[in-house]
PDB file of N, CA and C in Angstrom:
ATOM      1  N   MET A   1     102.818 -98.844-167.300  1.00  0.00           N
ATOM      2  CA  MET A   1     103.844 -98.031-166.565  1.00  0.00           C
ATOM      3  C   MET A   1     104.964 -97.764-167.566  1.00  0.00           C
ATOM      4  N   LYS A   2     105.404 -96.510-167.590  1.00  0.00           N
ATOM      5  CA  LYS A   2     106.510 -96.161-168.465  1.00  0.00           C
ATOM      6  C   LYS A   2     107.756 -95.743-167.676  1.00  0.00           C
ATOM      7  N   ILE A   3     108.931 -96.206-168.174  1.00  0.00           N
ATOM      8  CA  ILE A   3     110.164 -95.797-167.609  1.00  0.00           C
ATOM      9  C   ILE A   3     111.063 -95.305-168.762  1.00  0.00           C
ATOM     10  N   THR A   4     112.092 -94.531-168.409  1.00  0.00           N
ATOM     11  CA  THR A   4     113.022 -94.030-169.390  1.00  0.00           C
ATOM     12  C   THR A   4     114.339 -94.747-169.158  1.00  0.00           C
ATOM     13  N   LEU A   5     114.909 -95.332-170.185  1.00  0.00           N
ATOM     14  CA  LEU A   5     116.188 -95.976-170.151  1.00  0.00           C
ATOM     15  C   LEU A   5     117.246 -95.135-170.771  1.00  0.00           C
ATOM     16  N   LEU A   6     118.354 -94.961-170.104  1.00  0.00           N
ATOM     17  CA  LEU A   6     119.502 -94.258-170.636  1.00  0.00           C
ATOM     18  C   LEU A   6     120.646 -95.258-170.807  1.00  0.00           C
ATOM     19  N   PHE A   7     121.203 -95.342-171.987  1.00  0.00           N
ATOM     20  CA  PHE A   7     122.305 -96.284-172.305  1.00  0.00           C
ATOM     21  C   PHE A   7     123.579 -95.475-172.488  1.00  0.00           C
ATOM     22  N   PHE A   8     124.670 -96.032-171.917  1.00  0.00           N
ATOM     23  CA  PHE A   8     125.962 -95.361-171.980  1.00  0.00           C
ATOM     24  C   PHE A   8     126.999 -96.304-172.620  1.00  0.00           C
ATOM     25  N   GLY A   9     128.027 -95.692-173.172  1.00  0.00           N
ATOM     26  CA  GLY A   9     129.166 -96.466-173.720  1.00  0.00           C
ATOM     27  C   GLY A   9     128.757 -97.567-174.673  1.00  0.00           C
ATOM     28  N   VAL A  10     129.316 -98.727-174.419  1.00  0.00           N
ATOM     29  CA  VAL A  10     129.104 -99.841-175.381  1.00  0.00           C
ATOM     30  C   VAL A  10     127.649-100.298-175.412  1.00  0.00           C
ATOM     31  N   THR A  11     126.921-100.100-174.301  1.00  0.00           N
ATOM     32  CA  THR A  11     125.492-100.540-174.339  1.00  0.00           C
ATOM     33  C   THR A  11     124.734 -99.660-175.327  1.00  0.00           C
ATOM     34  N   ALA A  12     125.038 -98.391-175.436  1.00  0.00           N
ATOM     35  CA  ALA A  12     124.385 -97.564-176.445  1.00  0.00           C
ATOM     36  C   ALA A  12     124.770 -97.961-177.843  1.00  0.00           C
ATOM     37  N   ASP A  13     126.053 -98.373-178.022  1.00  0.00           N
ATOM     38  CA  ASP A  13     126.488 -98.840-179.337  1.00  0.00           C
ATOM     39  C   ASP A  13     125.783-100.136-179.707  1.00  0.00           C
ATOM     40  N   LEU A  14     125.565-101.028-178.772  1.00  0.00           N
ATOM     41  CA  LEU A  14     125.024-102.308-179.055  1.00  0.00           C
ATOM     42  C   LEU A  14     123.483-102.255-179.400  1.00  0.00           C
ATOM     43  N   ILE A  15     122.791-101.330-178.759  1.00  0.00           N
ATOM     44  CA  ILE A  15     121.364-101.256-179.098  1.00  0.00           C
ATOM     45  C   ILE A  15     121.034-100.156-180.086  1.00  0.00           C
ATOM     46  N   GLY A  16     122.013 -99.278-180.330  1.00  0.00           N
ATOM     47  CA  GLY A  16     121.810 -98.221-181.318  1.00  0.00           C
ATOM     48  C   GLY A  16     121.027 -96.993-180.832  1.00  0.00           C
ATOM     49  N   LYS A  17     120.917 -96.844-179.560  1.00  0.00           N
ATOM     50  CA  LYS A  17     120.194 -95.694-178.958  1.00  0.00           C
ATOM     51  C   LYS A  17     120.839 -95.324-177.649  1.00  0.00           C
ATOM     52  N   THR A  18     120.623 -94.057-177.313  1.00  0.00           N
ATOM     53  CA  THR A  18     121.092 -93.585-175.970  1.00  0.00           C
ATOM     54  C   THR A  18     119.955 -93.424-175.035  1.00  0.00           C
ATOM     55  N   VAL A  19     118.739 -93.225-175.559  1.00  0.00           N
ATOM     56  CA  VAL A  19     117.541 -93.019-174.753  1.00  0.00           C
ATOM     57  C   VAL A  19     116.414 -93.845-175.357  1.00  0.00           C
ATOM     58  N   LEU A  20     115.673 -94.486-174.459  1.00  0.00           N
ATOM     59  CA  LEU A  20     114.548 -95.312-174.860  1.00  0.00           C
ATOM     60  C   LEU A  20     113.443 -95.260-173.811  1.00  0.00           C
ATOM     61  N   VAL A  21     112.210 -94.939-174.197  1.00  0.00           N
ATOM     62  CA  VAL A  21     111.101 -95.012-173.285  1.00  0.00           C
ATOM     63  C   VAL A  21     110.471 -96.398-173.471  1.00  0.00           C
ATOM     64  N   MET A  22     110.294 -97.080-172.322  1.00  0.00           N
ATOM     65  CA  MET A  22     109.799 -98.434-172.385  1.00  0.00           C
ATOM     66  C   MET A  22     108.504 -98.545-171.547  1.00  0.00           C
ATOM     67  N   ALA A  23     107.516 -99.146-172.093  1.00  0.00           N
ATOM     68  CA  ALA A  23     106.260 -99.404-171.370  1.00  0.00           C
ATOM     69  C   ALA A  23     106.329-100.794-170.774  1.00  0.00           C
ATOM     70  N   LEU A  24     106.100-100.885-169.446  1.00  0.00           N
ATOM     71  CA  LEU A  24     106.071-102.177-168.771  1.00  0.00           C
ATOM     72  C   LEU A  24     104.641-102.497-168.378  1.00  0.00           C
ATOM     73  N   GLU A  25     104.265-103.766-168.658  1.00  0.00           N
ATOM     74  CA  GLU A  25     102.868-104.171-168.361  1.00  0.00           C
ATOM     75  C   GLU A  25     102.636-104.348-166.874  1.00  0.00           C
ATOM     76  N   ASN A  26     103.622-104.791-166.140  1.00  0.00           N
ATOM     77  CA  ASN A  26     103.483-105.095-164.718  1.00  0.00           C
ATOM     78  C   ASN A  26     104.622-104.445-163.968  1.00  0.00           C
ATOM     79  N   THR A  27     104.501-104.475-162.633  1.00  0.00           N
ATOM     80  CA  THR A  27     105.630-104.005-161.869  1.00  0.00           C
ATOM     81  C   THR A  27     106.785-104.962-162.125  1.00  0.00           C
ATOM     82  N   MET A  28     108.002-104.427-162.042  1.00  0.00           N
ATOM     83  CA  MET A  28     109.185-105.176-162.412  1.00  0.00           C
ATOM     84  C   MET A  28     110.346-104.787-161.533  1.00  0.00           C
ATOM     85  N   THR A  29     111.223-105.696-161.206  1.00  0.00           N
ATOM     86  CA  THR A  29     112.407-105.384-160.508  1.00  0.00           C
ATOM     87  C   THR A  29     113.530-105.031-161.479  1.00  0.00           C
ATOM     88  N   VAL A  30     114.567-104.484-161.012  1.00  0.00           N
ATOM     89  CA  VAL A  30     115.747-104.182-161.824  1.00  0.00           C
ATOM     90  C   VAL A  30     116.311-105.458-162.425  1.00  0.00           C
ATOM     91  N   GLY A  31     116.350-106.500-161.617  1.00  0.00           N
ATOM     92  CA  GLY A  31     116.836-107.785-162.127  1.00  0.00           C
ATOM     93  C   GLY A  31     116.036-108.299-163.244  1.00  0.00           C
ATOM     94  N   ALA A  32     114.699-108.248-163.137  1.00  0.00           N
ATOM     95  CA  ALA A  32     113.822-108.722-164.212  1.00  0.00           C
ATOM     96  C   ALA A  32     113.967-107.844-165.424  1.00  0.00           C
ATOM     97  N   LEU A  33     114.130-106.562-165.278  1.00  0.00           N
ATOM     98  CA  LEU A  33     114.350-105.661-166.395  1.00  0.00           C
ATOM     99  C   LEU A  33     115.609-106.057-167.177  1.00  0.00           C
ATOM    100  N   LYS A  34     116.668-106.395-166.455  1.00  0.00           N
ATOM    101  CA  LYS A  34     117.908-106.773-167.111  1.00  0.00           C
ATOM    102  C   LYS A  34     117.662-108.032-167.971  1.00  0.00           C
ATOM    103  N   LEU A  35     116.855-108.939-167.515  1.00  0.00           N
ATOM    104  CA  LEU A  35     116.551-110.156-168.307  1.00  0.00           C
ATOM    105  C   LEU A  35     115.755-109.792-169.535  1.00  0.00           C
ATOM    106  N   VAL A  36     114.785-108.896-169.366  1.00  0.00           N
ATOM    107  CA  VAL A  36     113.977-108.435-170.539  1.00  0.00           C
ATOM    108  C   VAL A  36     114.858-107.771-171.550  1.00  0.00           C
ATOM    109  N   LEU A  37     115.754-106.926-171.109  1.00  0.00           N
ATOM    110  CA  LEU A  37     116.623-106.216-172.036  1.00  0.00           C
ATOM    111  C   LEU A  37     117.520-107.193-172.822  1.00  0.00           C
ATOM    112  N   LYS A  38     118.029-108.201-172.126  1.00  0.00           N
ATOM    113  CA  LYS A  38     118.886-109.211-172.826  1.00  0.00           C
ATOM    114  C   LYS A  38     118.085-110.028-173.837  1.00  0.00           C
ATOM    115  N   GLU A  39     116.799-110.219-173.567  1.00  0.00           N
ATOM    116  CA  GLU A  39     115.958-110.956-174.535  1.00  0.00           C
ATOM    117  C   GLU A  39     115.647-110.079-175.713  1.00  0.00           C
ATOM    118  N   LYS A  40     115.313-108.820-175.483  1.00  0.00           N
ATOM    119  CA  LYS A  40     114.915-107.903-176.504  1.00  0.00           C
ATOM    120  C   LYS A  40     116.126-107.418-177.381  1.00  0.00           C
ATOM    121  N   TYR A  41     117.247-107.189-176.711  1.00  0.00           N
ATOM    122  CA  TYR A  41     118.469-106.707-177.406  1.00  0.00           C
ATOM    123  C   TYR A  41     119.545-107.777-177.224  1.00  0.00           C
ATOM    124  N   LEU A  42     119.563-108.742-178.137  1.00  0.00           N
ATOM    125  CA  LEU A  42     120.399-109.890-177.995  1.00  0.00           C
ATOM    126  C   LEU A  42     121.903-109.575-177.884  1.00  0.00           C
ATOM    127  N   LYS A  43     122.300-108.436-178.394  1.00  0.00           N
ATOM    128  CA  LYS A  43     123.715-108.069-178.344  1.00  0.00           C
ATOM    129  C   LYS A  43     124.147-107.713-176.908  1.00  0.00           C
ATOM    130  N   LEU A  44     123.224-107.447-176.038  1.00  0.00           N
ATOM    131  CA  LEU A  44     123.544-107.173-174.625  1.00  0.00           C
ATOM    132  C   LEU A  44     124.071-108.423-173.944  1.00  0.00           C
ATOM    133  N   LYS A  45     123.748-109.592-174.481  1.00  0.00           N
ATOM    134  CA  LYS A  45     124.245-110.846-173.888  1.00  0.00           C
ATOM    135  C   LYS A  45     125.749-110.921-173.950  1.00  0.00           C
ATOM    136  N   ASN A  46     126.371-110.122-174.797  1.00  0.00           N
ATOM    137  CA  ASN A  46     127.880-110.128-174.893  1.00  0.00           C
ATOM    138  C   ASN A  46     128.540-109.405-173.746  1.00  0.00           C
ATOM    139  N   ILE A  47     127.772-108.680-172.945  1.00  0.00           N
ATOM    140  CA  ILE A  47     128.340-108.033-171.788  1.00  0.00           C
ATOM    141  C   ILE A  47     128.013-108.828-170.548  1.00  0.00           C
ATOM    142  N   ASP A  48     129.048-109.238-169.836  1.00  0.00           N
ATOM    143  CA  ASP A  48     128.898-110.056-168.656  1.00  0.00           C
ATOM    144  C   ASP A  48     128.155-109.384-167.525  1.00  0.00           C
ATOM    145  N   THR A  49     128.523-108.147-167.257  1.00  0.00           N
ATOM    146  CA  THR A  49     127.924-107.409-166.156  1.00  0.00           C
ATOM    147  C   THR A  49     127.840-105.929-166.564  1.00  0.00           C
ATOM    148  N   TYR A  50     126.849-105.306-165.993  1.00  0.00           N
ATOM    149  CA  TYR A  50     126.718-103.856-166.112  1.00  0.00           C
ATOM    150  C   TYR A  50     125.951-103.366-164.926  1.00  0.00           C
ATOM    151  N   ALA A  51     126.241-102.107-164.499  1.00  0.00           N
ATOM    152  CA  ALA A  51     125.527-101.529-163.373  1.00  0.00           C
ATOM    153  C   ALA A  51     124.258-100.877-163.856  1.00  0.00           C
ATOM    154  N   VAL A  52     123.337-100.748-162.913  1.00  0.00           N
ATOM    155  CA  VAL A  52     122.084-100.100-163.174  1.00  0.00           C
ATOM    156  C   VAL A  52     121.899 -99.032-162.107  1.00  0.00           C
ATOM    157  N   ALA A  53     121.508 -97.851-162.539  1.00  0.00           N
ATOM    158  CA  ALA A  53     121.163 -96.782-161.598  1.00  0.00           C
ATOM    159  C   ALA A  53     119.743 -96.382-161.864  1.00  0.00           C
ATOM    160  N   VAL A  54     118.991 -96.162-160.831  1.00  0.00           N
ATOM    161  CA  VAL A  54     117.577 -95.707-160.945  1.00  0.00           C
ATOM    162  C   VAL A  54     117.487 -94.377-160.240  1.00  0.00           C
ATOM    163  N   ASN A  55     117.080 -93.369-161.029  1.00  0.00           N
ATOM    164  CA  ASN A  55     116.958 -92.027-160.524  1.00  0.00           C
ATOM    165  C   ASN A  55     118.294 -91.524-159.935  1.00  0.00           C
ATOM    166  N   GLU A  56     119.373 -91.821-160.611  1.00  0.00           N
ATOM    167  CA  GLU A  56     120.700 -91.372-160.251  1.00  0.00           C
ATOM    168  C   GLU A  56     121.300 -92.013-159.044  1.00  0.00           C
ATOM    169  N   ALA A  57     120.796 -93.188-158.647  1.00  0.00           N
ATOM    170  CA  ALA A  57     121.363 -93.935-157.522  1.00  0.00           C
ATOM    171  C   ALA A  57     121.526 -95.366-157.974  1.00  0.00           C
ATOM    172  N   TYR A  58     122.719 -95.928-157.700  1.00  0.00           N
ATOM    173  CA  TYR A  58     122.963 -97.347-158.073  1.00  0.00           C
ATOM    174  C   TYR A  58     121.861 -98.212-157.424  1.00  0.00           C
ATOM    175  N   ALA A  59     121.396 -99.226-158.156  1.00  0.00           N
ATOM    176  CA  ALA A  59     120.261-100.025-157.714  1.00  0.00           C
ATOM    177  C   ALA A  59     120.651-101.526-157.705  1.00  0.00           C
ATOM    178  N   GLU A  60     120.152-102.217-156.715  1.00  0.00           N
ATOM    179  CA  GLU A  60     120.270-103.670-156.641  1.00  0.00           C
ATOM    180  C   GLU A  60     119.188-104.308-157.483  1.00  0.00           C
ATOM    181  N   GLY A  61     119.370-105.551-157.799  1.00  0.00           N
ATOM    182  CA  GLY A  61     118.396-106.275-158.646  1.00  0.00           C
ATOM    183  C   GLY A  61     117.027-106.434-158.048  1.00  0.00           C
ATOM    184  N   THR A  62     116.921-106.265-156.739  1.00  0.00           N
ATOM    185  CA  THR A  62     115.610-106.441-156.089  1.00  0.00           C
ATOM    186  C   THR A  62     114.770-105.176-156.011  1.00  0.00           C
ATOM    187  N   LEU A  63     115.338-104.054-156.429  1.00  0.00           N
ATOM    188  CA  LEU A  63     114.603-102.779-156.404  1.00  0.00           C
ATOM    189  C   LEU A  63     113.400-102.855-157.391  1.00  0.00           C
ATOM    190  N   VAL A  64     112.247-102.476-156.923  1.00  0.00           N
ATOM    191  CA  VAL A  64     111.036-102.490-157.778  1.00  0.00           C
ATOM    192  C   VAL A  64     110.951-101.122-158.454  1.00  0.00           C
ATOM    193  N   LEU A  65     110.766-101.185-159.762  1.00  0.00           N
ATOM    194  CA  LEU A  65     110.672 -99.965-160.556  1.00  0.00           C
ATOM    195  C   LEU A  65     109.290 -99.323-160.444  1.00  0.00           C
ATOM    196  N   LYS A  66     109.240 -98.006-160.548  1.00  0.00           N
ATOM    197  CA  LYS A  66     108.001 -97.257-160.463  1.00  0.00           C
ATOM    198  C   LYS A  66     107.768 -96.427-161.721  1.00  0.00           C
ATOM    199  N   GLU A  67     106.540 -96.028-161.923  1.00  0.00           N
ATOM    200  CA  GLU A  67     106.181 -95.110-163.013  1.00  0.00           C
ATOM    201  C   GLU A  67     107.101 -93.914-163.053  1.00  0.00           C
ATOM    202  N   GLY A  68     107.620 -93.663-164.234  1.00  0.00           N
ATOM    203  CA  GLY A  68     108.499 -92.468-164.420  1.00  0.00           C
ATOM    204  C   GLY A  68     109.884 -92.565-164.029  1.00  0.00           C
ATOM    205  N   ASP A  69     110.328 -93.773-163.527  1.00  0.00           N
ATOM    206  CA  ASP A  69     111.731 -93.905-163.145  1.00  0.00           C
ATOM    207  C   ASP A  69     112.640 -93.720-164.352  1.00  0.00           C
ATOM    208  N   VAL A  70     113.834 -93.186-164.122  1.00  0.00           N
ATOM    209  CA  VAL A  70     114.867 -93.058-165.096  1.00  0.00           C
ATOM    210  C   VAL A  70     115.943 -94.075-164.757  1.00  0.00           C
ATOM    211  N   VAL A  71     116.143 -94.995-165.666  1.00  0.00           N
ATOM    212  CA  VAL A  71     117.034 -96.157-165.439  1.00  0.00           C
ATOM    213  C   VAL A  71     118.239 -95.993-166.337  1.00  0.00           C
ATOM    214  N   ALA A  72     119.453 -95.931-165.730  1.00  0.00           N
ATOM    215  CA  ALA A  72     120.675 -95.840-166.526  1.00  0.00           C
ATOM    216  C   ALA A  72     121.343 -97.205-166.568  1.00  0.00           C
ATOM    217  N   ILE A  73     121.723 -97.580-167.748  1.00  0.00           N
ATOM    218  CA  ILE A  73     122.463 -98.831-167.974  1.00  0.00           C
ATOM    219  C   ILE A  73     123.916 -98.443-168.176  1.00  0.00           C
ATOM    220  N   ILE A  74     124.767 -98.868-167.220  1.00  0.00           N
ATOM    221  CA  ILE A  74     126.148 -98.380-167.179  1.00  0.00           C
ATOM    222  C   ILE A  74     127.090 -99.576-167.374  1.00  0.00           C
ATOM    223  N   PRO A  75     127.793 -99.618-168.496  1.00  0.00           N
ATOM    224  CA  PRO A  75     128.690-100.759-168.765  1.00  0.00           C
ATOM    225  C   PRO A  75     129.968-100.656-167.915  1.00  0.00           C
ATOM    226  N   PRO A  76     130.670-101.778-167.866  1.00  0.00           N
ATOM    227  CA  PRO A  76     131.965-101.775-167.143  1.00  0.00           C
ATOM    228  C   PRO A  76     132.885-100.725-167.795  1.00  0.00           C
ATOM    229  N   VAL A  77     133.685-100.080-166.958  1.00  0.00           N
ATOM    230  CA  VAL A  77     134.580 -99.045-167.441  1.00  0.00           C
ATOM    231  C   VAL A  77     136.005 -99.453-167.101  1.00  0.00           C
ATOM    232  N   SER A  78     136.891 -99.288-168.102  1.00  0.00           N
ATOM    233  CA  SER A  78     138.293 -99.555-167.858  1.00  0.00           C
ATOM    234  C   SER A  78     139.080 -98.345-168.353  1.00  0.00           C
ATOM    235  N   GLY A  79     140.246 -98.221-167.856  1.00  0.00           N
ATOM    236  CA  GLY A  79     141.040 -97.075-168.274  1.00  0.00           C
ATOM    237  C   GLY A  79     142.333 -97.021-167.498  1.00  0.00           C
ATOM    238  N   GLY A  80     143.083 -96.005-167.773  1.00  0.00           N
ATOM    239  CA  GLY A  80     144.365 -95.912-167.100  1.00  0.00           C
ATOM    240  C   GLY A  80     144.743 -94.512-166.698  1.00  0.00           C
TER     241      GLY A  80
END
């Protein structure tokens, strides 16, 4: 199963890409994907929390990913 990951802000800086196509061997939840990303891209461990959107809708960790999903990794935003 393939999904497309979109990285924004500091997450793109930390992994060095804004778009990545990832092949998953099994079905996976958003929460499990976050763990895989932190293992594969160690610099992501420096971010305490980040939001995940699947197909342009914010997703909870229990959402099961499907073939062709577009997953956005959205870091915390601050500003004034």
